[in-house]
PDB file of all heavy atoms in Angstrom:
ATOM      1  N   ILE A   1     120.603  93.082  77.242  1.00  0.00           N
ATOM      2  CA  ILE A   1     119.322  93.705  77.592  1.00  0.00           C
ATOM      3  C   ILE A   1     118.189  93.014  76.877  1.00  0.00           C
ATOM      4  O   ILE A   1     117.195  92.700  77.527  1.00  0.00           O
ATOM      5  CB  ILE A   1     119.416  95.320  77.324  1.00  0.00           C
ATOM      6  CG1 ILE A   1     120.363  95.892  78.392  1.00  0.00           C
ATOM      7  CG2 ILE A   1     117.949  95.779  77.363  1.00  0.00           C
ATOM      8  CD1 ILE A   1     120.544  97.351  78.240  1.00  0.00           C
ATOM      9  N   PRO A   2     118.356  92.706  75.567  1.00  0.00           N
ATOM     10  CA  PRO A   2     117.182  92.035  74.949  1.00  0.00           C
ATOM     11  C   PRO A   2     116.995  90.634  75.474  1.00  0.00           C
ATOM     12  O   PRO A   2     115.877  90.103  75.741  1.00  0.00           O
ATOM     13  CB  PRO A   2     117.495  91.951  73.449  1.00  0.00           C
ATOM     14  CG  PRO A   2     118.767  92.699  73.260  1.00  0.00           C
ATOM     15  CD  PRO A   2     119.314  93.164  74.615  1.00  0.00           C
ATOM     16  N   ALA A   3     118.094  89.899  75.782  1.00  0.00           N
ATOM     17  CA  ALA A   3     117.936  88.564  76.343  1.00  0.00           C
ATOM     18  C   ALA A   3     117.366  88.607  77.691  1.00  0.00           C
ATOM     19  O   ALA A   3     116.478  87.734  78.102  1.00  0.00           O
ATOM     20  CB  ALA A   3     119.248  87.851  76.319  1.00  0.00           C
ATOM     21  N   MET A   4     117.754  89.529  78.496  1.00  0.00           N
ATOM     22  CA  MET A   4     117.194  89.643  79.859  1.00  0.00           C
ATOM     23  C   MET A   4     115.690  90.045  79.768  1.00  0.00           C
ATOM     24  O   MET A   4     114.918  89.528  80.598  1.00  0.00           O
ATOM     25  CB  MET A   4     118.011  90.607  80.721  1.00  0.00           C
ATOM     26  CG  MET A   4     119.402  90.123  81.127  1.00  0.00           C
ATOM     27  SD  MET A   4     120.271  91.162  82.297  1.00  0.00           S
ATOM     28  CE  MET A   4     120.311  92.737  81.455  1.00  0.00           C
ATOM     29  N   ALA A   5     115.384  90.907  78.919  1.00  0.00           N
ATOM     30  CA  ALA A   5     113.959  91.248  78.733  1.00  0.00           C
ATOM     31  C   ALA A   5     113.139  90.064  78.355  1.00  0.00           C
ATOM     32  O   ALA A   5     112.053  89.782  78.880  1.00  0.00           O
ATOM     33  CB  ALA A   5     113.850  92.400  77.743  1.00  0.00           C
ATOM     34  N   ALA A   6     113.626  89.238  77.347  1.00  0.00           N
ATOM     35  CA  ALA A   6     112.924  88.071  76.955  1.00  0.00           C
ATOM     36  C   ALA A   6     112.788  87.041  78.108  1.00  0.00           C
ATOM     37  O   ALA A   6     111.723  86.519  78.303  1.00  0.00           O
ATOM     38  CB  ALA A   6     113.658  87.400  75.754  1.00  0.00           C
ATOM     39  N   GLY A   7     113.819  86.908  78.843  1.00  0.00           N
ATOM     40  CA  GLY A   7     113.758  86.024  80.021  1.00  0.00           C
ATOM     41  C   GLY A   7     112.817  86.442  81.073  1.00  0.00           C
ATOM     42  O   GLY A   7     112.089  85.689  81.607  1.00  0.00           O
ATOM     43  N   ALA A   8     112.776  87.764  81.351  1.00  0.00           N
ATOM     44  CA  ALA A   8     111.936  88.339  82.289  1.00  0.00           C
ATOM     45  C   ALA A   8     110.426  88.156  81.956  1.00  0.00           C
ATOM     46  O   ALA A   8     109.601  87.806  82.752  1.00  0.00           O
ATOM     47  CB  ALA A   8     112.246  89.765  82.624  1.00  0.00           C
ATOM     48  N   VAL A   9     110.144  88.424  80.641  1.00  0.00           N
ATOM     49  CA  VAL A   9     108.798  88.283  80.140  1.00  0.00           C
ATOM     50  C   VAL A   9     108.348  86.774  80.187  1.00  0.00           C
ATOM     51  O   VAL A   9     107.282  86.486  80.618  1.00  0.00           O
ATOM     52  CB  VAL A   9     108.620  88.851  78.714  1.00  0.00           C
ATOM     53  CG1 VAL A   9     107.311  88.444  78.111  1.00  0.00           C
ATOM     54  CG2 VAL A   9     108.816  90.416  78.750  1.00  0.00           C
ATOM     55  N   SER A  10     109.234  85.894  79.724  1.00  0.00           N
ATOM     56  CA  SER A  10     108.926  84.425  79.756  1.00  0.00           C
ATOM     57  C   SER A  10     108.613  83.988  81.131  1.00  0.00           C
ATOM     58  O   SER A  10     107.536  83.323  81.401  1.00  0.00           O
ATOM     59  CB  SER A  10     110.074  83.750  79.121  1.00  0.00           C
ATOM     60  OG  SER A  10     109.865  82.345  79.138  1.00  0.00           O
ATOM     61  N   MET A  11     109.578  84.192  82.024  1.00  0.00           N
ATOM     62  CA  MET A  11     109.400  83.672  83.398  1.00  0.00           C
ATOM     63  C   MET A  11     108.369  84.364  84.145  1.00  0.00           C
ATOM     64  O   MET A  11     107.568  83.842  84.920  1.00  0.00           O
ATOM     65  CB  MET A  11     110.769  83.711  84.088  1.00  0.00           C
ATOM     66  CG  MET A  11     111.680  82.682  83.568  1.00  0.00           C
ATOM     67  SD  MET A  11     113.283  82.627  84.427  1.00  0.00           S
ATOM     68  CE  MET A  11     114.036  84.183  83.868  1.00  0.00           C
ATOM     69  N   GLY A  12     108.251  85.749  83.933  1.00  0.00           N
ATOM     70  CA  GLY A  12     107.191  86.542  84.643  1.00  0.00           C
ATOM     71  C   GLY A  12     105.809  86.146  84.252  1.00  0.00           C
ATOM     72  O   GLY A  12     104.960  86.089  85.040  1.00  0.00           O
ATOM     73  N   THR A  13     105.575  85.906  82.905  1.00  0.00           N
ATOM     74  CA  THR A  13     104.231  85.451  82.551  1.00  0.00           C
ATOM     75  C   THR A  13     103.941  84.066  83.080  1.00  0.00           C
ATOM     76  O   THR A  13     102.734  83.814  83.533  1.00  0.00           O
ATOM     77  CB  THR A  13     104.040  85.505  81.071  1.00  0.00           C
ATOM     78  OG1 THR A  13     105.053  84.682  80.405  1.00  0.00           O
ATOM     79  CG2 THR A  13     104.088  86.956  80.528  1.00  0.00           C
ATOM     80  N   PHE A  14     104.854  83.168  83.100  1.00  0.00           N
ATOM     81  CA  PHE A  14     104.591  81.860  83.744  1.00  0.00           C
ATOM     82  C   PHE A  14     104.260  82.043  85.227  1.00  0.00           C
ATOM     83  O   PHE A  14     103.320  81.423  85.672  1.00  0.00           O
ATOM     84  CB  PHE A  14     105.781  80.956  83.586  1.00  0.00           C
ATOM     85  CG  PHE A  14     105.551  79.571  84.136  1.00  0.00           C
ATOM     86  CD1 PHE A  14     104.762  78.655  83.559  1.00  0.00           C
ATOM     87  CD2 PHE A  14     105.996  79.213  85.491  1.00  0.00           C
ATOM     88  CE1 PHE A  14     104.396  77.344  84.112  1.00  0.00           C
ATOM     89  CE2 PHE A  14     105.710  78.029  86.052  1.00  0.00           C
ATOM     90  CZ  PHE A  14     104.847  77.146  85.378  1.00  0.00           C
ATOM     91  N   LEU A  15     104.976  82.846  85.923  1.00  0.00           N
ATOM     92  CA  LEU A  15     104.683  83.032  87.373  1.00  0.00           C
ATOM     93  C   LEU A  15     103.293  83.698  87.532  1.00  0.00           C
ATOM     94  O   LEU A  15     102.550  83.265  88.425  1.00  0.00           O
ATOM     95  CB  LEU A  15     105.791  83.910  87.968  1.00  0.00           C
ATOM     96  CG  LEU A  15     107.104  83.226  88.120  1.00  0.00           C
ATOM     97  CD1 LEU A  15     108.181  84.189  88.623  1.00  0.00           C
ATOM     98  CD2 LEU A  15     106.975  82.029  89.152  1.00  0.00           C
ATOM     99  N   LEU A  16     102.963  84.653  86.762  1.00  0.00           N
ATOM    100  CA  LEU A  16     101.679  85.278  86.768  1.00  0.00           C
ATOM    101  C   LEU A  16     100.551  84.275  86.607  1.00  0.00           C
ATOM    102  O   LEU A  16      99.608  84.152  87.355  1.00  0.00           O
ATOM    103  CB  LEU A  16     101.467  86.382  85.734  1.00  0.00           C
ATOM    104  CG  LEU A  16     100.115  87.076  85.589  1.00  0.00           C
ATOM    105  CD1 LEU A  16      99.757  87.796  86.916  1.00  0.00           C
ATOM    106  CD2 LEU A  16     100.013  87.917  84.362  1.00  0.00           C
ATOM    107  N   PHE A  17     100.730  83.368  85.474  1.00  0.00           N
ATOM    108  CA  PHE A  17      99.690  82.365  85.258  1.00  0.00           C
ATOM    109  C   PHE A  17      99.616  81.329  86.348  1.00  0.00           C
ATOM    110  O   PHE A  17      98.638  80.890  86.737  1.00  0.00           O
ATOM    111  CB  PHE A  17      99.993  81.717  83.909  1.00  0.00           C
ATOM    112  CG  PHE A  17      99.884  82.613  82.723  1.00  0.00           C
ATOM    113  CD1 PHE A  17     100.544  82.290  81.507  1.00  0.00           C
ATOM    114  CD2 PHE A  17      99.138  83.765  82.766  1.00  0.00           C
ATOM    115  CE1 PHE A  17     100.422  83.158  80.422  1.00  0.00           C
ATOM    116  CE2 PHE A  17      98.984  84.622  81.659  1.00  0.00           C
ATOM    117  CZ  PHE A  17      99.655  84.292  80.476  1.00  0.00           C
ATOM    118  N   ALA A  18     100.833  80.999  86.863  1.00  0.00           N
ATOM    119  CA  ALA A  18     100.913  79.896  87.855  1.00  0.00           C
ATOM    120  C   ALA A  18     100.226  80.339  89.108  1.00  0.00           C
ATOM    121  O   ALA A  18      99.496  79.597  89.807  1.00  0.00           O
ATOM    122  CB  ALA A  18     102.380  79.569  88.130  1.00  0.00           C
ATOM    123  N   TYR A  19     100.515  81.576  89.539  1.00  0.00           N
ATOM    124  CA  TYR A  19      99.979  81.948  90.820  1.00  0.00           C
ATOM    125  C   TYR A  19      98.532  82.518  90.700  1.00  0.00           C
ATOM    126  O   TYR A  19      97.894  82.879  91.770  1.00  0.00           O
ATOM    127  CB  TYR A  19     100.895  83.020  91.556  1.00  0.00           C
ATOM    128  CG  TYR A  19     102.104  82.300  92.109  1.00  0.00           C
ATOM    129  CD1 TYR A  19     103.298  82.180  91.423  1.00  0.00           C
ATOM    130  CD2 TYR A  19     101.977  81.500  93.261  1.00  0.00           C
ATOM    131  CE1 TYR A  19     104.375  81.482  91.931  1.00  0.00           C
ATOM    132  CE2 TYR A  19     102.973  80.770  93.710  1.00  0.00           C
ATOM    133  CZ  TYR A  19     104.230  80.754  93.082  1.00  0.00           C
ATOM    134  OH  TYR A  19     105.281  80.022  93.531  1.00  0.00           O
ATOM    135  N   THR A  20      97.983  82.612  89.513  1.00  0.00           N
ATOM    136  CA  THR A  20      96.556  82.903  89.431  1.00  0.00           C
ATOM    137  C   THR A  20      95.751  81.738  88.968  1.00  0.00           C
ATOM    138  O   THR A  20      94.521  81.920  88.613  1.00  0.00           O
ATOM    139  CB  THR A  20      96.378  84.104  88.411  1.00  0.00           C
ATOM    140  OG1 THR A  20      96.954  83.760  87.148  1.00  0.00           O
ATOM    141  CG2 THR A  20      97.029  85.402  88.937  1.00  0.00           C
ATOM    142  N   THR A  21      96.321  80.596  88.974  1.00  0.00           N
ATOM    143  CA  THR A  21      95.706  79.317  88.553  1.00  0.00           C
ATOM    144  C   THR A  21      95.362  78.508  89.853  1.00  0.00           C
ATOM    145  O   THR A  21      96.388  78.071  90.457  1.00  0.00           O
ATOM    146  CB  THR A  21      96.526  78.536  87.555  1.00  0.00           C
ATOM    147  OG1 THR A  21      96.717  79.282  86.410  1.00  0.00           O
ATOM    148  CG2 THR A  21      95.812  77.218  87.164  1.00  0.00           C
ATOM    149  N   PRO A  22      94.117  78.319  90.209  1.00  0.00           N
ATOM    150  CA  PRO A  22      93.947  77.539  91.430  1.00  0.00           C
ATOM    151  C   PRO A  22      94.231  76.066  91.114  1.00  0.00           C
ATOM    152  O   PRO A  22      94.191  75.536  90.092  1.00  0.00           O
ATOM    153  CB  PRO A  22      92.448  77.699  91.608  1.00  0.00           C
ATOM    154  CG  PRO A  22      91.889  78.144  90.326  1.00  0.00           C
ATOM    155  CD  PRO A  22      92.949  78.768  89.528  1.00  0.00           C
ATOM    156  N   GLU A  23      94.701  75.409  92.224  1.00  0.00           N
ATOM    157  CA  GLU A  23      94.939  73.992  92.182  1.00  0.00           C
ATOM    158  C   GLU A  23      95.979  73.504  91.232  1.00  0.00           C
ATOM    159  O   GLU A  23      95.887  72.476  90.601  1.00  0.00           O
ATOM    160  CB  GLU A  23      93.627  73.209  92.048  1.00  0.00           C
ATOM    161  CG  GLU A  23      92.586  73.463  93.108  1.00  0.00           C
ATOM    162  CD  GLU A  23      91.260  72.778  92.905  1.00  0.00           C
ATOM    163  OE1 GLU A  23      91.283  71.692  92.395  1.00  0.00           O
ATOM    164  OE2 GLU A  23      90.230  73.271  93.260  1.00  0.00           O
ATOM    165  N   LEU A  24      97.094  74.257  91.157  1.00  0.00           N
ATOM    166  CA  LEU A  24      98.167  73.905  90.313  1.00  0.00           C
ATOM    167  C   LEU A  24      98.882  72.655  90.861  1.00  0.00           C
ATOM    168  O   LEU A  24      98.975  72.569  92.077  1.00  0.00           O
ATOM    169  CB  LEU A  24      99.204  74.959  90.230  1.00  0.00           C
ATOM    170  CG  LEU A  24     100.037  75.125  88.997  1.00  0.00           C
ATOM    171  CD1 LEU A  24      99.231  75.145  87.694  1.00  0.00           C
ATOM    172  CD2 LEU A  24     100.919  76.321  89.081  1.00  0.00           C
ATOM    173  N   ASN A  25      99.289  71.743  90.050  1.00  0.00           N
ATOM    174  CA  ASN A  25      99.968  70.567  90.639  1.00  0.00           C
ATOM    175  C   ASN A  25     101.368  70.781  91.152  1.00  0.00           C
ATOM    176  O   ASN A  25     101.916  71.887  90.942  1.00  0.00           O
ATOM    177  CB  ASN A  25      99.982  69.339  89.610  1.00  0.00           C
ATOM    178  CG  ASN A  25     100.914  69.557  88.464  1.00  0.00           C
ATOM    179  OD1 ASN A  25     101.953  70.275  88.621  1.00  0.00           O
ATOM    180  ND2 ASN A  25     100.576  69.044  87.322  1.00  0.00           N
ATOM    181  N   SER A  26     101.931  69.925  91.948  1.00  0.00           N
ATOM    182  CA  SER A  26     103.150  70.143  92.627  1.00  0.00           C
ATOM    183  C   SER A  26     104.352  70.290  91.674  1.00  0.00           C
ATOM    184  O   SER A  26     105.306  70.985  91.934  1.00  0.00           O
ATOM    185  CB  SER A  26     103.412  69.027  93.583  1.00  0.00           C
ATOM    186  OG  SER A  26     103.548  67.752  92.951  1.00  0.00           O
ATOM    187  N   ALA A  27     104.291  69.564  90.534  1.00  0.00           N
ATOM    188  CA  ALA A  27     105.380  69.733  89.487  1.00  0.00           C
ATOM    189  C   ALA A  27     105.400  71.102  88.935  1.00  0.00           C
ATOM    190  O   ALA A  27     106.457  71.734  88.864  1.00  0.00           O
ATOM    191  CB  ALA A  27     105.183  68.686  88.404  1.00  0.00           C
ATOM    192  N   ASN A  28     104.234  71.668  88.659  1.00  0.00           N
ATOM    193  CA  ASN A  28     104.209  73.061  88.100  1.00  0.00           C
ATOM    194  C   ASN A  28     104.551  74.081  89.271  1.00  0.00           C
ATOM    195  O   ASN A  28     105.159  75.122  88.906  1.00  0.00           O
ATOM    196  CB  ASN A  28     102.913  73.379  87.475  1.00  0.00           C
ATOM    197  CG  ASN A  28     102.869  72.787  86.041  1.00  0.00           C
ATOM    198  OD1 ASN A  28     103.843  72.928  85.267  1.00  0.00           O
ATOM    199  ND2 ASN A  28     101.804  72.043  85.784  1.00  0.00           N
ATOM    200  N   MET A  29     104.223  73.857  90.408  1.00  0.00           N
ATOM    201  CA  MET A  29     104.601  74.694  91.565  1.00  0.00           C
ATOM    202  C   MET A  29     106.095  74.709  91.659  1.00  0.00           C
ATOM    203  O   MET A  29     106.779  75.693  92.020  1.00  0.00           O
ATOM    204  CB  MET A  29     103.875  74.278  92.837  1.00  0.00           C
ATOM    205  CG  MET A  29     102.447  74.739  92.870  1.00  0.00           C
ATOM    206  SD  MET A  29     102.124  76.420  92.531  1.00  0.00           S
ATOM    207  CE  MET A  29     102.817  77.220  93.870  1.00  0.00           C
ATOM    208  N   ARG A  30     106.758  73.517  91.483  1.00  0.00           N
ATOM    209  CA  ARG A  30     108.147  73.311  91.564  1.00  0.00           C
ATOM    210  C   ARG A  30     108.758  74.197  90.484  1.00  0.00           C
ATOM    211  O   ARG A  30     109.780  74.961  90.768  1.00  0.00           O
ATOM    212  CB  ARG A  30     108.654  71.912  91.444  1.00  0.00           C
ATOM    213  CG  ARG A  30     110.151  71.754  91.520  1.00  0.00           C
ATOM    214  CD  ARG A  30     110.564  70.282  91.150  1.00  0.00           C
ATOM    215  NE  ARG A  30     110.398  70.123  89.704  1.00  0.00           N
ATOM    216  CZ  ARG A  30     109.671  69.155  89.086  1.00  0.00           C
ATOM    217  NH1 ARG A  30     109.073  68.297  89.795  1.00  0.00           N
ATOM    218  NH2 ARG A  30     109.571  69.060  87.750  1.00  0.00           N
ATOM    219  N   VAL A  31     108.251  74.189  89.259  1.00  0.00           N
ATOM    220  CA  VAL A  31     108.695  75.056  88.159  1.00  0.00           C
ATOM    221  C   VAL A  31     108.617  76.498  88.574  1.00  0.00           C
ATOM    222  O   VAL A  31     109.519  77.310  88.327  1.00  0.00           O
ATOM    223  CB  VAL A  31     107.935  74.678  86.816  1.00  0.00           C
ATOM    224  CG1 VAL A  31     108.301  75.719  85.726  1.00  0.00           C
ATOM    225  CG2 VAL A  31     108.246  73.287  86.400  1.00  0.00           C
ATOM    226  N   ALA A  32     107.542  76.812  89.174  1.00  0.00           N
ATOM    227  CA  ALA A  32     107.281  78.252  89.544  1.00  0.00           C
ATOM    228  C   ALA A  32     108.394  78.659  90.545  1.00  0.00           C
ATOM    229  O   ALA A  32     108.874  79.790  90.504  1.00  0.00           O
ATOM    230  CB  ALA A  32     105.878  78.457  90.066  1.00  0.00           C
ATOM    231  N   ARG A  33     108.700  77.819  91.559  1.00  0.00           N
ATOM    232  CA  ARG A  33     109.666  78.166  92.528  1.00  0.00           C
ATOM    233  C   ARG A  33     111.061  78.360  91.937  1.00  0.00           C
ATOM    234  O   ARG A  33     111.773  79.267  92.246  1.00  0.00           O
ATOM    235  CB  ARG A  33     109.717  77.182  93.646  1.00  0.00           C
ATOM    236  CG  ARG A  33     108.526  77.208  94.626  1.00  0.00           C
ATOM    237  CD  ARG A  33     108.671  76.366  95.796  1.00  0.00           C
ATOM    238  NE  ARG A  33     108.805  74.937  95.544  1.00  0.00           N
ATOM    239  CZ  ARG A  33     107.728  74.096  95.381  1.00  0.00           C
ATOM    240  NH1 ARG A  33     106.540  74.644  95.478  1.00  0.00           N
ATOM    241  NH2 ARG A  33     107.872  72.847  95.005  1.00  0.00           N
ATOM    242  N   ILE A  34     111.350  77.530  90.948  1.00  0.00           N
ATOM    243  CA  ILE A  34     112.563  77.635  90.200  1.00  0.00           C
ATOM    244  C   ILE A  34     112.650  78.933  89.431  1.00  0.00           C
ATOM    245  O   ILE A  34     113.661  79.722  89.424  1.00  0.00           O
ATOM    246  CB  ILE A  34     112.827  76.422  89.261  1.00  0.00           C
ATOM    247  CG1 ILE A  34     113.079  75.224  90.087  1.00  0.00           C
ATOM    248  CG2 ILE A  34     113.958  76.695  88.258  1.00  0.00           C
ATOM    249  CD1 ILE A  34     112.975  73.872  89.252  1.00  0.00           C
ATOM    250  N   ASP A  35     111.493  79.327  88.873  1.00  0.00           N
ATOM    251  CA  ASP A  35     111.513  80.576  88.067  1.00  0.00           C
ATOM    252  C   ASP A  35     111.551  81.740  88.978  1.00  0.00           C
ATOM    253  O   ASP A  35     112.174  82.834  88.686  1.00  0.00           O
ATOM    254  CB  ASP A  35     110.152  80.648  87.171  1.00  0.00           C
ATOM    255  CG  ASP A  35     110.251  79.977  85.841  1.00  0.00           C
ATOM    256  OD1 ASP A  35     111.301  79.312  85.673  1.00  0.00           O
ATOM    257  OD2 ASP A  35     109.319  80.008  85.117  1.00  0.00           O
ATOM    258  N   ILE A  36     110.973  81.675  90.225  1.00  0.00           N
ATOM    259  CA  ILE A  36     111.179  82.788  91.207  1.00  0.00           C
ATOM    260  C   ILE A  36     112.739  83.031  91.430  1.00  0.00           C
ATOM    261  O   ILE A  36     113.195  84.149  91.415  1.00  0.00           O
ATOM    262  CB  ILE A  36     110.460  82.515  92.482  1.00  0.00           C
ATOM    263  CG1 ILE A  36     108.951  82.660  92.272  1.00  0.00           C
ATOM    264  CG2 ILE A  36     110.892  83.496  93.554  1.00  0.00           C
ATOM    265  CD1 ILE A  36     108.071  82.134  93.418  1.00  0.00           C
ATOM    266  N   ALA A  37     113.417  81.960  91.694  1.00  0.00           N
ATOM    267  CA  ALA A  37     114.856  82.062  91.875  1.00  0.00           C
ATOM    268  C   ALA A  37     115.549  82.627  90.646  1.00  0.00           C
ATOM    269  O   ALA A  37     116.426  83.479  90.775  1.00  0.00           O
ATOM    270  CB  ALA A  37     115.422  80.685  92.270  1.00  0.00           C
ATOM    271  N   ALA A  38     115.183  82.130  89.435  1.00  0.00           N
ATOM    272  CA  ALA A  38     115.832  82.647  88.250  1.00  0.00           C
ATOM    273  C   ALA A  38     115.467  84.049  87.996  1.00  0.00           C
ATOM    274  O   ALA A  38     116.458  84.864  87.621  1.00  0.00           O
ATOM    275  CB  ALA A  38     115.377  81.735  87.036  1.00  0.00           C
ATOM    276  N   VAL A  39     114.226  84.508  88.245  1.00  0.00           N
ATOM    277  CA  VAL A  39     113.959  85.921  88.160  1.00  0.00           C
ATOM    278  C   VAL A  39     114.756  86.838  89.161  1.00  0.00           C
ATOM    279  O   VAL A  39     115.263  87.891  88.778  1.00  0.00           O
ATOM    280  CB  VAL A  39     112.433  86.200  88.354  1.00  0.00           C
ATOM    281  CG1 VAL A  39     112.073  87.643  88.489  1.00  0.00           C
ATOM    282  CG2 VAL A  39     111.676  85.530  87.129  1.00  0.00           C
ATOM    283  N   ALA A  40     114.969  86.333  90.290  1.00  0.00           N
ATOM    284  CA  ALA A  40     115.849  87.047  91.317  1.00  0.00           C
ATOM    285  C   ALA A  40     117.276  87.116  90.822  1.00  0.00           C
ATOM    286  O   ALA A  40     117.870  88.208  90.880  1.00  0.00           O
ATOM    287  CB  ALA A  40     115.712  86.322  92.629  1.00  0.00           C
ATOM    288  N   LEU A  41     117.824  86.050  90.248  1.00  0.00           N
ATOM    289  CA  LEU A  41     119.116  86.179  89.626  1.00  0.00           C
ATOM    290  C   LEU A  41     119.158  87.058  88.466  1.00  0.00           C
ATOM    291  O   LEU A  41     120.108  87.859  88.258  1.00  0.00           O
ATOM    292  CB  LEU A  41     119.530  84.677  89.180  1.00  0.00           C
ATOM    293  CG  LEU A  41     119.801  83.696  90.325  1.00  0.00           C
ATOM    294  CD1 LEU A  41     120.091  82.393  89.669  1.00  0.00           C
ATOM    295  CD2 LEU A  41     120.920  84.099  91.232  1.00  0.00           C
ATOM    296  N   LEU A  42     118.077  87.044  87.675  1.00  0.00           N
ATOM    297  CA  LEU A  42     118.048  87.935  86.488  1.00  0.00           C
ATOM    298  C   LEU A  42     117.935  89.392  86.918  1.00  0.00           C
ATOM    299  O   LEU A  42     118.617  90.270  86.367  1.00  0.00           O
ATOM    300  CB  LEU A  42     116.821  87.577  85.634  1.00  0.00           C
ATOM    301  CG  LEU A  42     116.831  88.169  84.194  1.00  0.00           C
ATOM    302  CD1 LEU A  42     118.048  87.620  83.410  1.00  0.00           C
ATOM    303  CD2 LEU A  42     115.571  87.554  83.497  1.00  0.00           C
ATOM    304  N   ALA A  43     117.117  89.655  87.968  1.00  0.00           N
ATOM    305  CA  ALA A  43     117.073  91.095  88.485  1.00  0.00           C
ATOM    306  C   ALA A  43     118.376  91.542  89.026  1.00  0.00           C
ATOM    307  O   ALA A  43     118.799  92.660  88.807  1.00  0.00           O
ATOM    308  CB  ALA A  43     115.972  91.127  89.619  1.00  0.00           C
TER     309      ALA A  43
END
């Protein structure tokens, strides 16, 4: 539970920042897509 909470907060905040940042580069969008998949696995 603590590890999943830490992972969810870490990836969730990155996704929040990524999708509220205009003109993010393709490499960071790739990281965001990977995090979406990881958050789904974590859920």
